[in-house]
Amino acid sequence: MKDSSTRIIPRMAKGRRNRFFAAEGVDELLSMVLELTAEVSTLRERQYAMERVLEQHNLPVGEAVESWEPTEGDEAHLAADRERLLSTVLRTLEAQPKEEEQVETAAQDQTRAA
């Protein structure tokens, strides 16, 4: 079974990105909010499941979680996970200049062909 932190996320979707709003940046902002919402939803489901499993095994964890101090290894893992999250959420903005270049190149090709 693959560790989800090693999952490779495609950097660019194939094809042109759909535009739903005329105002500049609204589509990108909406994409970022939806990415964050998906991440939060997944984390909530996992946390809920973990708490139920621990309760079923008579392991109350509330206080232990509040007083937990991360090790250097934990800090490194959490930092890498934050980078993955930011990469996922911000990929919309990272892909935008490349898409604009592709549209500009296509327009130039059409002008040359005419």
N, C-alpha and C. Protein backbone atom coordinates (compact mmCIF):
# COMPACT_ATOMS: atom_id res chain seq x y z
N MET A 1 0.84 -1.18 0.00
CA MET A 1 0.00 0.00 0.00
C MET A 1 0.88 1.24 0.00
N LYS A 2 0.59 2.18 -0.88
CA LYS A 2 1.38 3.40 -0.99
C LYS A 2 1.01 4.37 0.12
N ASP A 3 2.00 5.05 0.64
CA ASP A 3 1.80 6.11 1.62
C ASP A 3 1.24 7.31 0.87
N SER A 4 0.16 7.92 1.39
CA SER A 4 -0.47 9.03 0.67
C SER A 4 0.45 10.24 0.56
N SER A 5 1.45 10.35 1.43
CA SER A 5 2.35 11.50 1.34
C SER A 5 3.33 11.37 0.18
N THR A 6 3.44 10.19 -0.41
CA THR A 6 4.34 10.01 -1.55
C THR A 6 3.59 10.02 -2.88
N ARG A 7 2.30 10.26 -2.84
CA ARG A 7 1.48 10.29 -4.04
C ARG A 7 1.92 11.44 -4.93
N ILE A 8 2.05 11.18 -6.20
CA ILE A 8 2.46 12.21 -7.15
C ILE A 8 1.21 12.87 -7.71
N ILE A 9 1.18 14.20 -7.60
CA ILE A 9 0.04 14.96 -8.07
C ILE A 9 0.43 15.60 -9.40
N PRO A 10 -0.39 15.39 -10.45
CA PRO A 10 -0.06 15.99 -11.74
C PRO A 10 0.03 17.50 -11.61
N ARG A 11 1.00 18.10 -12.27
CA ARG A 11 1.21 19.54 -12.19
C ARG A 11 0.27 20.32 -13.11
N MET A 12 -0.12 19.73 -14.23
CA MET A 12 -1.00 20.44 -15.15
C MET A 12 -2.06 19.49 -15.68
N ALA A 13 -3.27 19.98 -15.71
CA ALA A 13 -4.34 19.21 -16.33
C ALA A 13 -4.23 19.35 -17.84
N LYS A 14 -4.69 18.35 -18.55
CA LYS A 14 -4.66 18.43 -20.00
C LYS A 14 -5.85 19.26 -20.49
N GLY A 15 -5.62 20.00 -21.55
CA GLY A 15 -6.68 20.82 -22.13
C GLY A 15 -6.76 22.19 -21.48
N ARG A 16 -7.64 23.00 -22.03
CA ARG A 16 -7.80 24.36 -21.50
C ARG A 16 -8.65 24.33 -20.26
N ARG A 17 -8.37 25.24 -19.36
CA ARG A 17 -9.14 25.38 -18.12
C ARG A 17 -10.43 26.13 -18.44
N ASN A 18 -11.54 25.63 -17.94
CA ASN A 18 -12.82 26.30 -18.14
C ASN A 18 -12.85 27.60 -17.35
N ARG A 19 -13.50 28.60 -17.92
CA ARG A 19 -13.69 29.89 -17.24
C ARG A 19 -15.17 30.03 -16.95
N PHE A 20 -15.51 30.28 -15.68
CA PHE A 20 -16.90 30.42 -15.29
C PHE A 20 -17.26 31.85 -14.90
N PHE A 21 -16.26 32.63 -14.47
CA PHE A 21 -16.50 34.00 -14.03
C PHE A 21 -15.66 34.95 -14.88
N ALA A 22 -16.23 36.09 -15.23
CA ALA A 22 -15.52 37.06 -16.07
C ALA A 22 -14.41 37.77 -15.32
N ALA A 23 -14.60 38.01 -14.03
CA ALA A 23 -13.60 38.75 -13.25
C ALA A 23 -12.31 37.94 -13.16
N GLU A 24 -11.20 38.62 -13.34
CA GLU A 24 -9.87 37.99 -13.31
C GLU A 24 -9.59 37.41 -11.92
N GLY A 25 -9.17 36.16 -11.88
CA GLY A 25 -8.73 35.52 -10.64
C GLY A 25 -9.81 34.81 -9.85
N VAL A 26 -11.07 35.04 -10.17
CA VAL A 26 -12.16 34.43 -9.39
C VAL A 26 -12.16 32.91 -9.57
N ASP A 27 -11.98 32.43 -10.78
CA ASP A 27 -11.95 30.99 -11.02
C ASP A 27 -10.80 30.33 -10.27
N GLU A 28 -9.64 30.98 -10.28
CA GLU A 28 -8.48 30.43 -9.59
C GLU A 28 -8.70 30.40 -8.08
N LEU A 29 -9.28 31.47 -7.54
CA LEU A 29 -9.57 31.53 -6.11
C LEU A 29 -10.58 30.45 -5.73
N LEU A 30 -11.60 30.27 -6.54
CA LEU A 30 -12.59 29.24 -6.28
C LEU A 30 -11.96 27.85 -6.30
N SER A 31 -11.07 27.61 -7.24
CA SER A 31 -10.37 26.32 -7.30
C SER A 31 -9.56 26.08 -6.04
N MET A 32 -8.88 27.11 -5.56
CA MET A 32 -8.08 26.98 -4.35
C MET A 32 -8.96 26.69 -3.14
N VAL A 33 -10.10 27.37 -3.04
CA VAL A 33 -11.01 27.15 -1.92
C VAL A 33 -11.55 25.72 -1.96
N LEU A 34 -11.88 25.24 -3.15
CA LEU A 34 -12.39 23.87 -3.27
C LEU A 34 -11.32 22.84 -2.91
N GLU A 35 -10.07 23.09 -3.29
CA GLU A 35 -8.96 22.20 -2.91
C GLU A 35 -8.82 22.15 -1.39
N LEU A 36 -8.87 23.31 -0.75
CA LEU A 36 -8.77 23.36 0.71
C LEU A 36 -9.95 22.66 1.37
N THR A 37 -11.13 22.85 0.82
CA THR A 37 -12.32 22.20 1.37
C THR A 37 -12.19 20.68 1.29
N ALA A 38 -11.68 20.18 0.18
CA ALA A 38 -11.48 18.73 0.04
C ALA A 38 -10.47 18.22 1.07
N GLU A 39 -9.39 18.98 1.26
CA GLU A 39 -8.38 18.59 2.25
C GLU A 39 -8.96 18.57 3.66
N VAL A 40 -9.69 19.61 4.02
CA VAL A 40 -10.28 19.70 5.37
C VAL A 40 -11.29 18.57 5.57
N SER A 41 -12.10 18.30 4.58
CA SER A 41 -13.10 17.23 4.68
C SER A 41 -12.43 15.88 4.92
N THR A 42 -11.38 15.60 4.17
CA THR A 42 -10.66 14.34 4.33
C THR A 42 -10.06 14.24 5.72
N LEU A 43 -9.45 15.31 6.20
CA LEU A 43 -8.84 15.31 7.53
C LEU A 43 -9.89 15.11 8.61
N ARG A 44 -11.03 15.74 8.47
CA ARG A 44 -12.10 15.59 9.47
C ARG A 44 -12.60 14.15 9.52
N GLU A 45 -12.78 13.54 8.36
CA GLU A 45 -13.23 12.14 8.32
C GLU A 45 -12.22 11.22 8.99
N ARG A 46 -10.94 11.42 8.69
CA ARG A 46 -9.89 10.59 9.29
C ARG A 46 -9.80 10.81 10.80
N GLN A 47 -9.89 12.04 11.22
CA GLN A 47 -9.82 12.33 12.65
C GLN A 47 -11.01 11.71 13.38
N TYR A 48 -12.19 11.84 12.82
CA TYR A 48 -13.38 11.25 13.42
C TYR A 48 -13.23 9.74 13.55
N ALA A 49 -12.79 9.10 12.46
CA ALA A 49 -12.61 7.65 12.49
C ALA A 49 -11.57 7.24 13.52
N MET A 50 -10.47 7.96 13.59
CA MET A 50 -9.41 7.63 14.54
C MET A 50 -9.92 7.76 15.98
N GLU A 51 -10.63 8.83 16.27
CA GLU A 51 -11.16 9.01 17.62
C GLU A 51 -12.14 7.91 17.99
N ARG A 52 -12.98 7.49 17.06
CA ARG A 52 -13.92 6.40 17.35
C ARG A 52 -13.19 5.09 17.62
N VAL A 53 -12.18 4.80 16.80
CA VAL A 53 -11.40 3.56 16.99
C VAL A 53 -10.71 3.57 18.35
N LEU A 54 -10.11 4.68 18.71
CA LEU A 54 -9.42 4.77 20.00
C LEU A 54 -10.40 4.64 21.16
N GLU A 55 -11.56 5.25 21.03
CA GLU A 55 -12.58 5.12 22.08
C GLU A 55 -13.04 3.67 22.23
N GLN A 56 -13.19 2.97 21.11
CA GLN A 56 -13.59 1.57 21.15
C GLN A 56 -12.56 0.71 21.88
N HIS A 57 -11.30 1.15 21.87
CA HIS A 57 -10.23 0.43 22.56
C HIS A 57 -9.92 1.06 23.92
N ASN A 58 -10.88 1.86 24.43
CA ASN A 58 -10.74 2.51 25.74
C ASN A 58 -9.46 3.33 25.88
N LEU A 59 -9.13 4.06 24.83
CA LEU A 59 -7.93 4.91 24.85
C LEU A 59 -8.36 6.37 24.69
N PRO A 60 -8.66 7.07 25.79
CA PRO A 60 -9.00 8.48 25.68
C PRO A 60 -7.75 9.28 25.30
N VAL A 61 -7.85 10.10 24.27
CA VAL A 61 -6.66 10.77 23.75
C VAL A 61 -6.71 12.29 23.84
N GLY A 62 -7.81 12.85 24.27
CA GLY A 62 -7.97 14.30 24.27
C GLY A 62 -6.83 15.04 24.96
N GLU A 63 -6.54 14.70 26.21
CA GLU A 63 -5.47 15.37 26.95
C GLU A 63 -4.09 15.09 26.36
N ALA A 64 -3.88 13.86 25.93
CA ALA A 64 -2.58 13.49 25.36
C ALA A 64 -2.29 14.30 24.10
N VAL A 65 -3.29 14.51 23.29
CA VAL A 65 -3.10 15.29 22.06
C VAL A 65 -2.78 16.74 22.42
N GLU A 66 -3.47 17.30 23.38
CA GLU A 66 -3.25 18.69 23.78
C GLU A 66 -1.84 18.91 24.34
N SER A 67 -1.26 17.92 25.00
CA SER A 67 0.06 18.09 25.62
C SER A 67 1.20 17.51 24.78
N TRP A 68 0.91 17.03 23.58
CA TRP A 68 1.92 16.39 22.73
C TRP A 68 2.96 17.40 22.27
N GLU A 69 4.22 17.00 22.33
CA GLU A 69 5.34 17.81 21.84
C GLU A 69 5.99 17.07 20.67
N PRO A 70 6.02 17.65 19.47
CA PRO A 70 6.59 16.96 18.32
C PRO A 70 8.11 16.84 18.40
N THR A 71 8.63 15.73 17.87
CA THR A 71 10.08 15.53 17.77
C THR A 71 10.57 16.21 16.50
N GLU A 72 11.89 16.20 16.29
CA GLU A 72 12.43 16.77 15.04
C GLU A 72 11.91 16.01 13.83
N GLY A 73 11.79 14.69 13.97
CA GLY A 73 11.25 13.88 12.88
C GLY A 73 9.80 14.24 12.59
N ASP A 74 9.03 14.47 13.65
CA ASP A 74 7.63 14.88 13.48
C ASP A 74 7.56 16.23 12.78
N GLU A 75 8.43 17.15 13.19
CA GLU A 75 8.45 18.48 12.57
C GLU A 75 8.77 18.38 11.08
N ALA A 76 9.72 17.52 10.73
CA ALA A 76 10.09 17.34 9.32
C ALA A 76 8.92 16.76 8.52
N HIS A 77 8.26 15.78 9.10
CA HIS A 77 7.11 15.15 8.43
C HIS A 77 5.99 16.18 8.23
N LEU A 78 5.71 16.95 9.27
CA LEU A 78 4.65 17.96 9.19
C LEU A 78 5.00 19.05 8.17
N ALA A 79 6.26 19.44 8.12
CA ALA A 79 6.70 20.46 7.14
C ALA A 79 6.52 19.94 5.71
N ALA A 80 6.88 18.68 5.48
CA ALA A 80 6.72 18.09 4.15
C ALA A 80 5.24 18.00 3.77
N ASP A 81 4.42 17.67 4.74
CA ASP A 81 2.98 17.58 4.49
C ASP A 81 2.40 18.96 4.19
N ARG A 82 2.87 20.00 4.88
CA ARG A 82 2.43 21.37 4.59
C ARG A 82 2.82 21.76 3.17
N GLU A 83 4.02 21.41 2.76
CA GLU A 83 4.48 21.72 1.40
C GLU A 83 3.60 21.04 0.36
N ARG A 84 3.24 19.77 0.61
CA ARG A 84 2.36 19.05 -0.31
C ARG A 84 1.00 19.73 -0.39
N LEU A 85 0.46 20.14 0.76
CA LEU A 85 -0.83 20.82 0.78
C LEU A 85 -0.76 22.13 0.01
N LEU A 86 0.25 22.92 0.26
CA LEU A 86 0.40 24.20 -0.45
C LEU A 86 0.56 23.98 -1.95
N SER A 87 1.32 22.96 -2.32
CA SER A 87 1.51 22.65 -3.73
C SER A 87 0.18 22.29 -4.39
N THR A 88 -0.63 21.53 -3.67
CA THR A 88 -1.94 21.13 -4.20
C THR A 88 -2.85 22.33 -4.34
N VAL A 89 -2.91 23.16 -3.33
CA VAL A 89 -3.81 24.30 -3.33
C VAL A 89 -3.37 25.37 -4.34
N LEU A 90 -2.07 25.58 -4.45
CA LEU A 90 -1.57 26.65 -5.31
C LEU A 90 -1.29 26.23 -6.75
N ARG A 91 -1.50 24.96 -7.08
CA ARG A 91 -1.19 24.52 -8.44
C ARG A 91 -2.02 25.24 -9.48
N THR A 92 -3.20 25.73 -9.10
CA THR A 92 -4.01 26.51 -10.03
C THR A 92 -3.27 27.76 -10.46
N LEU A 93 -2.63 28.43 -9.53
CA LEU A 93 -1.90 29.65 -9.86
C LEU A 93 -0.61 29.34 -10.60
N GLU A 94 0.04 28.23 -10.26
CA GLU A 94 1.28 27.85 -10.92
C GLU A 94 1.03 27.48 -12.37
N ALA A 95 -0.12 26.89 -12.66
CA ALA A 95 -0.43 26.45 -14.02
C ALA A 95 -0.89 27.61 -14.88
N GLN A 96 -1.40 28.67 -14.30
CA GLN A 96 -1.98 29.78 -15.06
C GLN A 96 -1.01 30.41 -16.06
N PRO A 97 0.22 30.77 -15.69
CA PRO A 97 1.11 31.37 -16.69
C PRO A 97 1.39 30.44 -17.86
N LYS A 98 1.53 29.15 -17.61
CA LYS A 98 1.79 28.20 -18.68
C LYS A 98 0.61 28.13 -19.63
N GLU A 99 -0.61 28.14 -19.08
CA GLU A 99 -1.79 28.12 -19.94
C GLU A 99 -1.86 29.39 -20.78
N GLU A 100 -1.54 30.54 -20.18
CA GLU A 100 -1.56 31.80 -20.92
C GLU A 100 -0.53 31.77 -22.05
N GLU A 101 0.65 31.19 -21.79
CA GLU A 101 1.68 31.05 -22.82
C GLU A 101 1.17 30.18 -23.96
N GLN A 102 0.47 29.08 -23.62
CA GLN A 102 -0.05 28.19 -24.64
C GLN A 102 -1.09 28.89 -25.51
N VAL A 103 -1.96 29.69 -24.88
CA VAL A 103 -2.98 30.43 -25.63
C VAL A 103 -2.30 31.45 -26.54
N GLU A 104 -1.29 32.15 -26.01
CA GLU A 104 -0.57 33.15 -26.79
C GLU A 104 0.15 32.50 -27.97
N THR A 105 0.79 31.36 -27.73
CA THR A 105 1.48 30.65 -28.81
C THR A 105 0.50 30.20 -29.88
N ALA A 106 -0.67 29.68 -29.45
CA ALA A 106 -1.68 29.25 -30.41
C ALA A 106 -2.17 30.43 -31.25
N ALA A 107 -2.35 31.59 -30.62
CA ALA A 107 -2.81 32.78 -31.33
C ALA A 107 -1.75 33.23 -32.35
N GLN A 108 -0.47 33.17 -31.96
CA GLN A 108 0.59 33.52 -32.87
C GLN A 108 0.66 32.55 -34.05
N ASP A 109 0.46 31.27 -33.77
CA ASP A 109 0.46 30.26 -34.84
C ASP A 109 -0.68 30.52 -35.83
N GLN A 110 -1.84 30.91 -35.30
CA GLN A 110 -2.98 31.18 -36.17
C GLN A 110 -2.72 32.43 -37.03
N THR A 111 -2.07 33.42 -36.44
CA THR A 111 -1.75 34.65 -37.18
C THR A 111 -0.77 34.34 -38.31
N ARG A 112 0.23 33.52 -38.02
CA ARG A 112 1.23 33.15 -39.04
C ARG A 112 0.59 32.33 -40.16
N ALA A 113 -0.35 31.47 -39.80
CA ALA A 113 -1.00 30.61 -40.80
C ALA A 113 -1.92 31.40 -41.71
N ALA A 114 -2.41 32.54 -41.24
CA ALA A 114 -3.37 33.34 -42.03
C ALA A 114 -2.74 34.14 -43.11
